[in-house]
Amino acid sequence: MNFSIFATLSLSLLQSQQAESFVSPDARISKSTTLSMAGGEGGESEWVKALLENTPEAPGAFEKEMKMKGLLGNKDTGDTKLSANAALIQWLEDEGDVYLAEVSSWGEAPHPMAISTDTRDEITNESSGRGLLARRDVNDGDNLFKIPLKLCMTKRSARKALGKDVFSADVNEYLVMACQLIHEKFVLGDESYWKPYIDVLPEVGEVNPTFSWSDEDLSFLDGSPVIAATRSLQMKLQREYDSLLGGEDGLCAKYPDRFPKDKYTSENWVWAFTMLFSRAIRLRGLKEGEALSLVPYADLINHSPFSQAYIDAREGGDWLFSSGEEEVILYADRGYRRMEQIYISYGPKSNAELLLLYGFAVERNPFNSVDVTVAIAPRTESFVKELKDENIPIDPLAEEKIEFLESVGRESMVDFPCYADRYPVELLEFLRLMQMTPEDTRGRPLNQFDYSRTISAANEASVLRSVIEAVTRQLSKYPNTEEDDAALIKDKGMFRLLSYNQRMAIRHRRNEKRLLKRTIAALENQIRKQGLEDEDLSRAEGSTLGKLLPGDERKYGMKQKTALEDRLEKMGLPVDIR
């Protein structure tokens, strides 16, 4: 093709592209087919096809398609949510120069995502609220958005809004940000700078974390460790509210103008923490160190345990010039097809964590685990004497075991997470220590052993059998079987009559039981492979795991933090519930 013909073709195609912006998608598809067939494979036809594939859709076409697919909500809530979505996008553009338009502009490509007001779980078909969909095909590594940090709610913004005289620099970020959320939504209302963002935040009933469930709904989780974590968090939140706001020395009493009691209620406090637990993002790339942030628009993206994408912060600008301002960014971790939901990872969280803090659980979650209680009473002379039971012998290593546990920060009753395909090394280390006998030590002190390795065949057999006992005991706590749950889920008509929370609870408890059964099977297989079936287990001498010895509840009445609480504490959550 010579240059003059190429130029003529380019001009005519550009003209057709402009005209095509205002024709229906079906008409464009028909035209594309005709042009492609005109020149055969390769050459001009492939070039024409590529050009037409990148022709922008008519304005509003994608939203029309989402509406047809039921992704813009129902008639009762759809219009309200659509208006809130539009107001948020306009606010981001006006206040932060964030480009979210569906068409390209000078130096800006069309924004690759659109807000869906009603996304669905791909396996259970349960509603997962708002989400972000790909407007067009997205490539691995594509920049999905950039949000200026100045538009985010942080500890700094909260102290500025509520007074640095009230909240010192070392205040817990969850507490002060919860107060700012209440301030913006319930005190300022329409006058809030963040109103467009506040208006897209859900109500507690739309999120449904277990700490907001009724007693009736929680009863569907009977036997699950989630109940203890839920009750603990409920008490913690109430205690924090009473201490910070509601008591005689609380902020509502000290500063009634800034913290009006009719706005800073315990119900609004629960709402604020529901937003923080389910939406706040820990940004680790900030110049002044990591910080908890509520990031408008970014927090609409739903979670997938299989995603490798994480939201973080960086200094703004391009490869040549730095603006000096910080921004929140996200890159695609894989390719997405048009209309496919975009996901990020909230972290390697178990379903117990997700249900407790986010109000949902994930089928086939590779990070799912169940906390199993392991308890061994160090049978010291004084302890056995108190029990007045001649059948319980004194452990000659009891005092040394207690001393060793104290030196490594452990107690005699602990919780460990068991996963579908493994259990923690720390669990085996703990049990190998607690099952040691004089025959194992042969006069050596306990601190000279490597408990990450097998001590002896008898010790290992006792350890693995003890784990099986602990897991079996956990299974026995559920009032119904995994088969009962499976039958209930299979009866779709009856299952849909239950509430969302109750359906989530049944799926969750079933998955816990399946995981525990797999753990038992894996342990029994390990015992067979190591040839430990015939080892003499009398060496344990009554120290059963997962079942408290007589007197344990009296001596060890205050249980340690659960494994779930330990994980939450590492996240920075205020979970010191005792």
Protein backbone atom coordinates (compact mmCIF):
# COMPACT_ATOMS: atom_id res chain seq x y z
CA MET A 1 0.00 0.00 0.00
CA ASN A 2 1.49 3.39 -0.96
CA PHE A 3 1.36 6.37 1.40
CA SER A 4 -1.49 8.24 -0.32
CA ILE A 5 -3.79 5.24 -0.19
CA PHE A 6 -2.85 4.62 3.47
CA ALA A 7 -3.56 8.25 4.38
CA THR A 8 -6.93 8.16 2.64
CA LEU A 9 -7.86 4.94 4.42
CA SER A 10 -6.76 6.33 7.79
CA LEU A 11 -8.80 9.51 7.33
CA SER A 12 -11.93 7.66 6.30
CA LEU A 13 -11.61 5.25 9.20
CA LEU A 14 -11.14 8.07 11.69
CA GLN A 15 -14.22 9.77 10.30
CA SER A 16 -16.18 6.53 10.59
CA GLN A 17 -14.91 6.11 14.15
CA GLN A 18 -16.26 9.54 15.12
CA ALA A 19 -19.62 8.77 13.58
CA GLU A 20 -19.61 5.32 15.15
CA SER A 21 -19.44 6.73 18.67
CA PHE A 22 -23.16 7.42 18.35
CA VAL A 23 -24.37 4.15 16.85
CA SER A 24 -25.41 1.01 18.66
CA PRO A 25 -22.89 -1.74 19.54
CA ASP A 26 -24.76 -4.16 17.23
CA ALA A 27 -24.30 -1.79 14.31
CA ARG A 28 -20.56 -1.56 15.01
CA ILE A 29 -20.23 -5.34 15.17
CA SER A 30 -21.95 -5.65 11.80
CA LYS A 31 -19.67 -3.07 10.23
CA SER A 32 -16.56 -4.70 11.74
CA THR A 33 -17.52 -8.05 10.23
CA THR A 34 -18.00 -6.50 6.79
CA LEU A 35 -14.63 -4.72 6.82
CA SER A 36 -12.76 -7.75 8.10
CA MET A 37 -14.12 -9.94 5.33
CA ALA A 38 -13.21 -7.43 2.64
CA GLY A 39 -9.49 -8.05 2.60
CA GLY A 40 -9.08 -11.60 3.90
CA GLU A 41 -6.59 -12.60 6.59
CA GLY A 42 -3.70 -10.24 7.42
CA GLY A 43 -2.88 -6.91 5.82
CA GLU A 44 -5.45 -4.15 5.79
CA SER A 45 -8.27 -6.22 7.29
CA GLU A 46 -6.34 -7.01 10.47
CA TRP A 47 -5.36 -3.37 10.85
CA VAL A 48 -8.96 -2.28 10.34
CA LYS A 49 -10.17 -4.88 12.83
CA ALA A 50 -7.71 -3.74 15.50
CA LEU A 51 -8.73 -0.13 14.99
CA LEU A 52 -12.41 -0.92 15.29
CA GLU A 53 -11.90 -3.04 18.41
CA ASN A 54 -10.42 0.02 20.11
CA THR A 55 -13.28 2.29 19.05
CA PRO A 56 -14.89 3.71 22.21
CA GLU A 57 -18.41 2.66 23.10
CA ALA A 58 -21.28 5.09 22.94
CA PRO A 59 -21.50 6.98 26.26
CA GLY A 60 -23.56 5.02 28.77
CA ALA A 61 -23.47 1.77 26.76
CA PHE A 62 -21.58 -0.14 29.45
CA GLU A 63 -23.94 1.01 32.20
CA LYS A 64 -26.90 -0.03 30.02
CA GLU A 65 -25.39 -3.48 29.65
CA MET A 66 -24.79 -3.72 33.42
CA LYS A 67 -28.42 -2.79 34.04
CA MET A 68 -29.59 -5.54 31.70
CA LYS A 69 -27.44 -8.02 33.64
CA GLY A 70 -28.89 -6.88 36.99
CA LEU A 71 -25.61 -5.33 38.18
CA LEU A 72 -27.06 -1.92 39.02
CA GLY A 73 -29.36 -2.99 41.84
CA ASN A 74 -33.12 -3.36 42.11
CA LYS A 75 -35.76 -0.71 41.50
CA ASP A 76 -36.03 0.19 45.20
CA THR A 77 -32.34 0.94 45.78
CA GLY A 78 -30.82 1.16 42.30
CA ASP A 79 -31.53 4.83 41.58
CA THR A 80 -30.29 5.97 45.01
CA LYS A 81 -27.08 3.98 44.72
CA LEU A 82 -26.49 5.11 41.14
CA SER A 83 -26.83 8.74 42.21
CA ALA A 84 -24.40 8.13 45.08
CA ASN A 85 -21.94 6.45 42.70
CA ALA A 86 -22.11 9.39 40.30
CA ALA A 87 -21.63 11.91 43.11
CA LEU A 88 -18.56 10.02 44.39
CA ILE A 89 -16.97 9.96 40.93
CA GLN A 90 -17.66 13.67 40.43
CA TRP A 91 -16.16 14.46 43.85
CA LEU A 92 -13.02 12.48 43.09
CA GLU A 93 -12.63 14.33 39.79
CA ASP A 94 -13.30 17.76 41.29
CA GLU A 95 -11.29 17.43 44.51
CA GLY A 96 -8.48 15.12 43.44
CA ASP A 97 -8.28 15.43 39.66
CA VAL A 98 -8.89 11.66 39.50
CA TYR A 99 -9.72 10.64 35.93
CA LEU A 100 -12.56 8.11 35.99
CA ALA A 101 -14.28 8.93 32.69
CA GLU A 102 -15.27 6.20 30.24
CA VAL A 103 -13.77 8.11 27.29
CA SER A 104 -10.18 9.15 26.68
CA SER A 105 -8.94 12.69 27.16
CA TRP A 106 -5.72 14.53 26.44
CA GLY A 107 -3.00 12.38 27.96
CA GLU A 108 -5.51 10.11 29.72
CA ALA A 109 -6.78 6.71 28.65
CA PRO A 110 -10.40 5.74 29.35
CA HIS A 111 -10.80 4.57 32.94
CA PRO A 112 -10.83 0.73 32.88
CA MET A 113 -13.44 0.13 35.60
CA ALA A 114 -17.08 0.86 36.43
CA ILE A 115 -19.03 0.59 39.69
CA SER A 116 -21.56 -2.22 39.98
CA THR A 117 -24.08 -1.71 42.76
CA ASP A 118 -24.85 -5.41 43.16
CA THR A 119 -22.12 -8.00 42.59
CA ARG A 120 -22.54 -11.72 43.26
CA ASP A 121 -20.36 -14.44 44.71
CA GLU A 122 -19.38 -16.66 41.81
CA ILE A 123 -19.93 -19.91 43.75
CA THR A 124 -22.80 -19.27 46.17
CA ASN A 125 -24.55 -16.50 44.19
CA GLU A 126 -24.93 -14.50 47.42
CA SER A 127 -24.91 -10.73 47.09
CA SER A 128 -21.54 -9.12 47.81
CA GLY A 129 -22.64 -5.49 47.50
CA ARG A 130 -20.89 -2.93 45.38
CA GLY A 131 -17.88 -3.91 43.32
CA LEU A 132 -15.79 -2.77 40.36
CA LEU A 133 -16.07 -4.34 36.90
CA ALA A 134 -13.74 -4.13 33.91
CA ARG A 135 -15.17 -1.78 31.27
CA ARG A 136 -12.83 -3.27 28.71
CA ASP A 137 -10.19 -5.99 28.59
CA VAL A 138 -7.52 -5.26 31.20
CA ASN A 139 -3.94 -6.48 30.87
CA ASP A 140 -1.67 -7.78 33.62
CA GLY A 141 0.18 -4.79 35.10
CA ASP A 142 -2.27 -2.13 33.93
CA ASN A 143 -2.67 0.87 36.23
CA LEU A 144 -6.23 0.63 37.56
CA PHE A 145 -6.39 3.87 39.55
CA LYS A 146 -4.48 6.59 41.39
CA ILE A 147 -6.18 8.27 44.36
CA PRO A 148 -4.50 11.24 46.08
CA LEU A 149 -3.80 10.57 49.74
CA LYS A 150 -5.39 13.93 50.61
CA LEU A 151 -8.80 12.41 49.76
CA CYS A 152 -8.33 9.53 52.21
CA MET A 153 -9.49 9.42 55.81
CA THR A 154 -6.59 8.71 58.16
CA LYS A 155 -5.54 9.24 61.74
CA ARG A 156 -4.10 12.59 60.65
CA SER A 157 -7.38 13.74 59.06
CA ALA A 158 -9.29 12.57 62.15
CA ARG A 159 -7.09 14.51 64.57
CA LYS A 160 -7.39 17.60 62.36
CA ALA A 161 -11.19 17.30 62.21
CA LEU A 162 -11.79 16.54 65.90
CA GLY A 163 -9.00 18.47 67.60
CA LYS A 164 -5.41 17.62 68.40
CA ASP A 165 -6.10 18.83 71.91
CA VAL A 166 -8.48 15.88 72.32
CA PHE A 167 -6.53 13.19 70.49
CA SER A 168 -2.79 13.03 71.02
CA ALA A 169 -0.37 11.77 68.39
CA ASP A 170 -0.13 8.34 70.03
CA VAL A 171 -3.90 7.67 70.05
CA ASN A 172 -5.04 4.33 68.62
CA GLU A 173 -5.83 4.94 64.95
CA TYR A 174 -8.98 2.78 64.98
CA LEU A 175 -10.50 4.75 67.87
CA VAL A 176 -9.89 8.21 66.44
CA MET A 177 -10.93 7.22 62.91
CA ALA A 178 -14.15 5.70 64.27
CA CYS A 179 -14.89 9.05 65.91
CA GLN A 180 -14.26 10.87 62.63
CA LEU A 181 -16.63 8.58 60.75
CA ILE A 182 -19.39 9.36 63.25
CA HIS A 183 -18.51 13.07 63.05
CA GLU A 184 -18.73 13.17 59.25
CA LYS A 185 -21.89 11.07 58.88
CA PHE A 186 -24.02 11.95 61.88
CA VAL A 187 -22.77 15.35 63.08
CA LEU A 188 -21.84 17.22 59.89
CA GLY A 189 -24.09 15.30 57.52
CA ASP A 190 -24.60 17.29 54.30
CA GLU A 191 -21.88 19.75 55.38
CA SER A 192 -19.17 17.10 55.45
CA TYR A 193 -16.29 17.41 52.99
CA TRP A 194 -16.44 13.62 52.64
CA LYS A 195 -20.23 13.46 52.10
CA PRO A 196 -20.00 11.87 48.61
CA TYR A 197 -17.79 9.15 50.08
CA ILE A 198 -19.88 8.71 53.24
CA ASP A 199 -23.01 8.29 51.09
CA VAL A 200 -21.66 5.16 49.39
CA LEU A 201 -20.70 3.50 52.67
CA PRO A 202 -23.08 0.64 53.54
CA GLU A 203 -25.17 0.18 56.65
CA VAL A 204 -24.24 -2.47 59.22
CA GLY A 205 -26.98 -4.76 57.90
CA GLU A 206 -25.44 -4.69 54.43
CA VAL A 207 -22.06 -5.86 55.73
CA ASN A 208 -23.20 -8.27 58.46
CA PRO A 209 -20.01 -8.98 60.44
CA THR A 210 -20.73 -11.56 63.13
CA PHE A 211 -20.20 -9.03 65.94
CA SER A 212 -23.41 -7.37 64.70
CA TRP A 213 -25.46 -10.59 64.51
CA SER A 214 -28.44 -11.37 66.69
CA ASP A 215 -28.27 -14.19 69.23
CA GLU A 216 -30.57 -16.25 67.03
CA ASP A 217 -28.23 -15.95 64.05
CA LEU A 218 -25.17 -16.66 66.19
CA SER A 219 -26.80 -19.87 67.44
CA PHE A 220 -26.34 -21.26 63.92
CA LEU A 221 -22.60 -21.15 64.63
CA ASP A 222 -22.83 -23.23 67.82
CA GLY A 223 -19.62 -25.20 68.25
CA SER A 224 -17.56 -22.89 66.07
CA PRO A 225 -14.63 -20.93 67.56
CA VAL A 226 -16.07 -17.88 65.79
CA ILE A 227 -18.65 -17.47 68.55
CA ALA A 228 -16.03 -16.92 71.26
CA ALA A 229 -14.18 -14.41 69.06
CA THR A 230 -17.47 -12.65 68.27
CA ARG A 231 -18.51 -12.34 71.92
CA SER A 232 -15.05 -11.09 72.80
CA LEU A 233 -15.11 -8.41 70.12
CA GLN A 234 -18.60 -7.31 71.14
CA MET A 235 -17.45 -6.83 74.73
CA LYS A 236 -14.29 -5.08 73.59
CA LEU A 237 -16.15 -2.57 71.43
CA GLN A 238 -18.62 -1.80 74.20
CA ARG A 239 -15.82 -1.35 76.71
CA GLU A 240 -13.92 0.95 74.36
CA TYR A 241 -17.07 3.01 73.79
CA ASP A 242 -17.76 3.34 77.51
CA SER A 243 -14.15 4.28 78.23
CA LEU A 244 -13.66 6.81 75.41
CA LEU A 245 -17.09 8.33 74.86
CA GLY A 246 -19.96 7.22 77.06
CA GLY A 247 -18.64 7.21 80.62
CA GLU A 248 -18.62 10.02 83.15
CA ASP A 249 -15.14 11.03 82.04
CA GLY A 250 -15.83 10.31 78.36
CA LEU A 251 -15.53 12.79 75.51
CA CYS A 252 -19.31 13.24 75.33
CA ALA A 253 -19.26 14.58 78.89
CA LYS A 254 -16.09 16.65 78.51
CA TYR A 255 -16.79 18.14 75.09
CA PRO A 256 -20.58 17.99 74.55
CA ASP A 257 -20.42 20.49 71.66
CA ARG A 258 -17.87 18.46 69.72
CA PHE A 259 -19.14 15.04 70.75
CA PRO A 260 -22.93 15.28 71.12
CA LYS A 261 -24.20 12.21 72.92
CA ASP A 262 -27.22 11.77 70.64
CA LYS A 263 -24.82 11.36 67.69
CA TYR A 264 -22.02 9.41 69.38
CA THR A 265 -24.23 6.47 70.31
CA SER A 266 -23.10 2.87 70.76
CA GLU A 267 -25.07 1.95 67.61
CA ASN A 268 -23.16 4.50 65.55
CA TRP A 269 -19.95 3.29 67.19
CA VAL A 270 -20.66 -0.24 65.91
CA TRP A 271 -21.36 1.18 62.44
CA ALA A 272 -18.04 3.04 62.43
CA PHE A 273 -16.08 -0.05 63.41
CA THR A 274 -17.96 -2.11 60.84
CA MET A 275 -16.69 0.34 58.21
CA LEU A 276 -13.13 0.26 59.55
CA PHE A 277 -12.86 -3.49 59.93
CA SER A 278 -14.34 -4.21 56.51
CA ARG A 279 -12.91 -1.33 54.43
CA ALA A 280 -9.81 0.24 55.94
CA ILE A 281 -6.54 -0.43 54.13
CA ARG A 282 -3.10 -0.44 55.74
CA LEU A 283 -0.82 1.60 53.46
CA ARG A 284 2.80 0.58 53.97
CA GLY A 285 4.55 2.72 51.36
CA LEU A 286 4.00 6.13 52.97
CA LYS A 287 6.94 8.46 53.61
CA GLU A 288 6.10 8.82 57.30
CA GLY A 289 5.50 5.13 57.86
CA GLU A 290 2.53 2.83 57.45
CA ALA A 291 -0.95 4.06 58.31
CA LEU A 292 -4.54 2.86 58.32
CA SER A 293 -6.62 4.59 55.63
CA LEU A 294 -10.12 4.69 54.25
CA VAL A 295 -9.56 5.13 50.50
CA PRO A 296 -12.61 6.34 48.56
CA TYR A 297 -13.39 4.25 45.45
CA ALA A 298 -10.57 1.78 46.17
CA ASP A 299 -12.54 0.20 49.01
CA LEU A 300 -15.30 -0.79 46.59
CA ILE A 301 -13.13 -3.64 45.29
CA ASN A 302 -14.06 -7.06 46.62
CA HIS A 303 -11.77 -9.76 48.00
CA SER A 304 -10.46 -12.92 46.39
CA PRO A 305 -7.99 -15.17 48.23
CA PHE A 306 -6.48 -16.01 44.84
CA SER A 307 -5.66 -12.41 43.93
CA GLN A 308 -2.08 -11.18 44.19
CA ALA A 309 -3.07 -7.50 43.95
CA TYR A 310 -2.62 -5.25 46.99
CA ILE A 311 -3.38 -1.56 47.33
CA ASP A 312 -0.48 0.61 48.48
CA ALA A 313 0.86 4.16 48.40
CA ARG A 314 3.71 5.94 46.62
CA GLU A 315 4.92 9.43 45.82
CA GLY A 316 2.94 10.91 42.93
CA GLY A 317 4.26 12.02 39.56
CA ASP A 318 5.68 10.25 36.53
CA TRP A 319 9.00 8.60 35.72
CA LEU A 320 10.66 11.98 35.18
CA PHE A 321 9.04 14.39 37.62
CA SER A 322 7.84 13.82 41.19
CA SER A 323 4.89 15.86 42.41
CA GLY A 324 5.86 15.44 46.07
CA GLU A 325 2.29 14.44 46.96
CA GLU A 326 1.47 10.89 47.92
CA GLU A 327 -1.15 8.78 46.16
CA VAL A 328 -2.79 5.38 46.52
CA ILE A 329 -2.29 3.06 43.57
CA LEU A 330 -3.37 -0.33 42.27
CA TYR A 331 -2.07 -2.39 39.37
CA ALA A 332 -3.84 -5.38 37.84
CA ASP A 333 -2.28 -8.66 38.96
CA ARG A 334 -3.65 -10.51 35.92
CA GLY A 335 -5.69 -10.00 32.78
CA TYR A 336 -9.42 -9.36 33.08
CA ARG A 337 -12.08 -9.72 30.40
CA ARG A 338 -14.69 -7.08 29.78
CA MET A 339 -17.53 -7.26 32.36
CA GLU A 340 -15.38 -9.40 34.71
CA GLN A 341 -15.21 -8.30 38.35
CA ILE A 342 -11.86 -6.88 39.50
CA TYR A 343 -10.49 -8.32 42.76
CA ILE A 344 -7.78 -7.56 45.27
CA SER A 345 -6.57 -9.53 48.28
CA TYR A 346 -7.45 -8.39 51.79
CA GLY A 347 -4.65 -10.67 52.97
CA PRO A 348 -4.31 -14.41 53.73
CA LYS A 349 -7.38 -14.54 55.97
CA SER A 350 -9.31 -17.52 57.26
CA ASN A 351 -13.07 -17.67 56.89
CA ALA A 352 -13.37 -17.06 60.64
CA GLU A 353 -11.60 -13.71 60.22
CA LEU A 354 -13.62 -12.82 57.14
CA LEU A 355 -16.92 -13.68 58.80
CA LEU A 356 -16.04 -11.86 62.02
CA LEU A 357 -14.82 -8.62 60.39
CA TYR A 358 -16.19 -8.55 56.84
CA GLY A 359 -19.47 -10.44 57.08
CA PHE A 360 -18.76 -13.09 54.45
CA ALA A 361 -16.85 -16.35 54.00
CA VAL A 362 -15.18 -17.74 50.89
CA GLU A 363 -15.82 -21.19 49.51
CA ARG A 364 -12.59 -23.06 48.72
CA ASN A 365 -10.53 -20.60 50.73
CA PRO A 366 -6.90 -21.83 50.67
CA PHE A 367 -6.20 -19.90 53.89
CA ASN A 368 -9.10 -21.32 55.86
CA SER A 369 -8.33 -22.70 59.30
CA VAL A 370 -10.04 -23.76 62.52
CA ASP A 371 -8.65 -22.92 65.95
CA VAL A 372 -8.17 -26.02 68.09
CA THR A 373 -7.61 -25.80 71.84
CA VAL A 374 -4.70 -27.77 73.25
CA ALA A 375 -4.46 -28.05 77.02
CA ILE A 376 -1.97 -29.87 79.23
CA ALA A 377 -1.84 -29.43 82.99
CA PRO A 378 1.73 -29.51 84.32
CA ARG A 379 1.27 -32.21 86.97
CA THR A 380 3.36 -30.71 89.75
CA GLU A 381 3.32 -32.26 93.22
CA SER A 382 1.22 -29.44 94.65
CA PHE A 383 -1.24 -29.56 91.75
CA VAL A 384 -1.79 -33.33 91.99
CA LYS A 385 -2.18 -33.06 95.77
CA GLU A 386 -4.95 -30.48 95.27
CA LEU A 387 -6.82 -32.83 92.93
CA LYS A 388 -6.91 -35.60 95.59
CA ASP A 389 -6.93 -38.25 92.88
CA GLU A 390 -4.49 -41.13 93.36
CA ASN A 391 -4.85 -42.15 89.69
CA ILE A 392 -3.11 -38.97 88.47
CA PRO A 393 0.66 -39.33 88.86
CA ILE A 394 3.16 -36.52 89.41
CA ASP A 395 5.20 -35.54 86.36
CA PRO A 396 8.85 -35.33 87.49
CA LEU A 397 9.50 -32.79 84.70
CA ALA A 398 6.46 -30.61 85.48
CA GLU A 399 8.31 -27.74 87.18
CA GLU A 400 10.94 -27.65 84.45
CA LYS A 401 8.23 -27.61 81.76
CA ILE A 402 6.50 -24.66 83.43
CA GLU A 403 9.78 -22.78 83.63
CA PHE A 404 10.54 -23.51 79.98
CA LEU A 405 7.05 -22.38 78.84
CA GLU A 406 7.39 -19.13 80.77
CA SER A 407 10.78 -18.50 79.16
CA VAL A 408 9.27 -18.74 75.65
CA GLY A 409 6.05 -16.89 76.50
CA ARG A 410 3.68 -19.87 76.42
CA GLU A 411 1.07 -21.22 78.82
CA SER A 412 -0.25 -24.74 79.29
CA MET A 413 -3.48 -24.01 77.42
CA VAL A 414 -3.18 -22.57 73.91
CA ASP A 415 -5.07 -22.38 70.63
CA PHE A 416 -3.49 -23.26 67.31
CA PRO A 417 -5.00 -22.90 63.82
CA CYS A 418 -5.39 -26.15 61.89
CA TYR A 419 -5.47 -25.85 58.10
CA ALA A 420 -6.92 -28.20 55.50
CA ASP A 421 -3.54 -29.60 54.53
CA ARG A 422 -1.28 -28.81 57.47
CA TYR A 423 -0.98 -27.72 61.10
CA PRO A 424 1.54 -25.30 62.59
CA VAL A 425 5.05 -26.40 63.47
CA GLU A 426 4.59 -24.52 66.75
CA LEU A 427 1.83 -26.98 67.70
CA LEU A 428 4.14 -29.96 67.33
CA GLU A 429 6.94 -28.16 69.18
CA PHE A 430 4.62 -27.39 72.08
CA LEU A 431 3.34 -30.95 72.32
CA ARG A 432 6.77 -32.55 72.03
CA LEU A 433 7.85 -30.52 75.02
CA MET A 434 4.76 -31.27 77.09
CA GLN A 435 4.95 -35.02 76.35
CA MET A 436 8.61 -35.33 77.38
CA THR A 437 9.46 -38.01 79.95
CA PRO A 438 12.68 -38.81 81.86
CA GLU A 439 13.22 -41.62 79.30
CA ASP A 440 13.37 -38.93 76.58
CA THR A 441 15.63 -36.50 78.44
CA ARG A 442 18.06 -39.05 79.94
CA GLY A 443 19.21 -36.40 82.38
CA ARG A 444 19.56 -33.54 79.88
CA PRO A 445 17.73 -30.24 80.59
CA LEU A 446 14.65 -29.50 78.47
CA ASN A 447 16.14 -26.35 76.96
CA GLN A 448 18.82 -28.38 75.19
CA PHE A 449 16.36 -30.16 72.84
CA ASP A 450 15.32 -29.07 69.34
CA TYR A 451 11.54 -29.43 69.44
CA SER A 452 11.19 -28.77 65.72
CA ARG A 453 12.47 -32.34 65.24
CA THR A 454 11.18 -35.71 66.39
CA ILE A 455 12.31 -36.48 69.95
CA SER A 456 11.56 -40.22 69.93
CA ALA A 457 9.09 -42.61 68.31
CA ALA A 458 7.06 -42.86 71.52
CA ASN A 459 7.02 -39.10 71.99
CA GLU A 460 5.94 -38.51 68.37
CA ALA A 461 3.18 -41.11 68.57
CA SER A 462 1.85 -39.47 71.73
CA VAL A 463 2.00 -36.04 70.11
CA LEU A 464 0.11 -37.05 66.94
CA ARG A 465 -2.51 -38.99 68.90
CA SER A 466 -2.97 -36.00 71.16
CA VAL A 467 -3.65 -33.72 68.17
CA ILE A 468 -6.22 -36.22 66.89
CA GLU A 469 -7.91 -36.14 70.30
CA ALA A 470 -7.95 -32.33 70.30
CA VAL A 471 -9.40 -32.12 66.78
CA THR A 472 -11.95 -34.84 67.54
CA ARG A 473 -13.02 -32.91 70.62
CA GLN A 474 -13.50 -29.78 68.54
CA LEU A 475 -15.68 -31.75 66.11
CA SER A 476 -17.81 -33.01 68.99
CA LYS A 477 -18.73 -29.44 69.97
CA TYR A 478 -21.00 -28.99 66.94
CA PRO A 479 -24.62 -29.97 67.63
CA ASN A 480 -25.04 -31.38 64.11
CA THR A 481 -22.89 -33.24 61.60
CA GLU A 482 -21.30 -32.17 58.36
CA GLU A 483 -23.74 -34.49 56.56
CA ASP A 484 -26.67 -32.64 58.20
CA ASP A 485 -25.32 -29.33 56.92
CA ALA A 486 -24.75 -30.72 53.43
CA ALA A 487 -28.34 -31.98 53.25
CA LEU A 488 -29.67 -28.60 54.39
CA ILE A 489 -27.63 -26.73 51.76
CA LYS A 490 -28.73 -29.19 49.06
CA ASP A 491 -32.40 -28.47 49.78
CA LYS A 492 -32.29 -25.14 47.93
CA GLY A 493 -35.92 -24.26 48.59
CA MET A 494 -35.61 -24.55 52.36
CA PHE A 495 -32.10 -23.08 52.40
CA ARG A 496 -33.22 -19.84 50.69
CA LEU A 497 -35.88 -19.36 53.38
CA LEU A 498 -33.12 -18.80 55.93
CA SER A 499 -31.62 -15.34 56.41
CA TYR A 500 -28.32 -14.34 54.81
CA ASN A 501 -26.52 -14.63 58.15
CA GLN A 502 -27.93 -18.08 58.80
CA ARG A 503 -26.94 -19.33 55.34
CA MET A 504 -23.43 -17.98 55.87
CA ALA A 505 -23.26 -19.67 59.28
CA ILE A 506 -24.29 -23.07 57.91
CA ARG A 507 -21.78 -22.92 55.07
CA HIS A 508 -19.07 -21.82 57.47
CA ARG A 509 -19.66 -24.52 60.09
CA ARG A 510 -19.81 -27.17 57.37
CA ASN A 511 -16.45 -26.06 55.97
CA GLU A 512 -14.96 -26.12 59.48
CA LYS A 513 -16.10 -29.71 59.98
CA ARG A 514 -14.74 -30.77 56.60
CA LEU A 515 -11.39 -29.18 57.42
CA LEU A 516 -11.18 -30.89 60.81
CA LYS A 517 -12.01 -34.27 59.28
CA ARG A 518 -9.24 -33.81 56.72
CA THR A 519 -6.82 -32.94 59.52
CA ILE A 520 -7.66 -36.16 61.34
CA ALA A 521 -7.25 -38.18 58.15
CA ALA A 522 -3.86 -36.55 57.48
CA LEU A 523 -2.66 -37.28 61.03
CA GLU A 524 -3.77 -40.90 60.90
CA ASN A 525 -2.01 -41.28 57.56
CA GLN A 526 1.15 -39.78 59.07
CA ILE A 527 1.01 -42.23 61.99
CA ARG A 528 0.70 -45.16 59.57
CA LYS A 529 3.53 -43.93 57.35
CA GLN A 530 5.87 -43.51 60.33
CA GLY A 531 4.91 -46.90 61.75
CA LEU A 532 3.73 -45.44 65.05
CA GLU A 533 0.45 -47.39 65.41
CA ASP A 534 1.82 -49.78 68.02
CA GLU A 535 3.73 -47.31 70.17
CA ASP A 536 2.84 -47.47 73.85
CA LEU A 537 0.80 -44.37 74.64
CA SER A 538 0.62 -44.98 78.40
CA ARG A 539 3.58 -42.61 78.68
CA ALA A 540 1.13 -39.70 78.35
CA GLU A 541 -0.23 -40.77 81.76
CA GLY A 542 -3.55 -39.01 81.47
CA SER A 543 -2.28 -35.78 79.90
CA THR A 544 -4.87 -35.63 77.16
CA LEU A 545 -4.85 -32.80 74.65
CA GLY A 546 -7.95 -30.84 73.81
CA LYS A 547 -9.63 -32.18 76.98
CA LEU A 548 -8.96 -30.46 80.26
CA LEU A 549 -7.72 -32.55 83.12
CA PRO A 550 -9.71 -32.41 86.38
CA GLY A 551 -8.93 -29.13 88.06
CA ASP A 552 -7.69 -27.39 84.90
CA GLU A 553 -10.70 -25.11 84.68
CA ARG A 554 -10.12 -24.08 88.27
CA LYS A 555 -6.37 -23.65 87.94
CA TYR A 556 -6.39 -22.21 84.41
CA GLY A 557 -9.76 -20.49 84.49
CA MET A 558 -8.61 -17.60 82.30
CA LYS A 559 -7.88 -18.86 78.82
CA GLN A 560 -5.15 -17.22 76.76
CA LYS A 561 -5.85 -15.30 73.59
CA THR A 562 -7.09 -17.52 70.81
CA ALA A 563 -5.07 -18.00 67.65
CA LEU A 564 -7.58 -15.79 65.85
CA GLU A 565 -7.07 -13.01 68.38
CA ASP A 566 -3.31 -13.31 67.98
CA ARG A 567 -3.66 -12.87 64.22
CA LEU A 568 -5.97 -9.87 64.61
CA GLU A 569 -3.59 -8.26 67.09
CA LYS A 570 -0.78 -8.49 64.53
CA MET A 571 -3.03 -6.58 62.15
CA GLY A 572 -3.18 -3.74 64.66
CA LEU A 573 -6.76 -4.29 65.77
CA PRO A 574 -7.63 -3.46 69.39
CA VAL A 575 -8.43 -7.01 70.43
CA ASP A 576 -7.10 -7.21 73.98
CA ILE A 577 -10.48 -8.45 75.11
CA ARG A 578 -9.66 -9.27 78.70
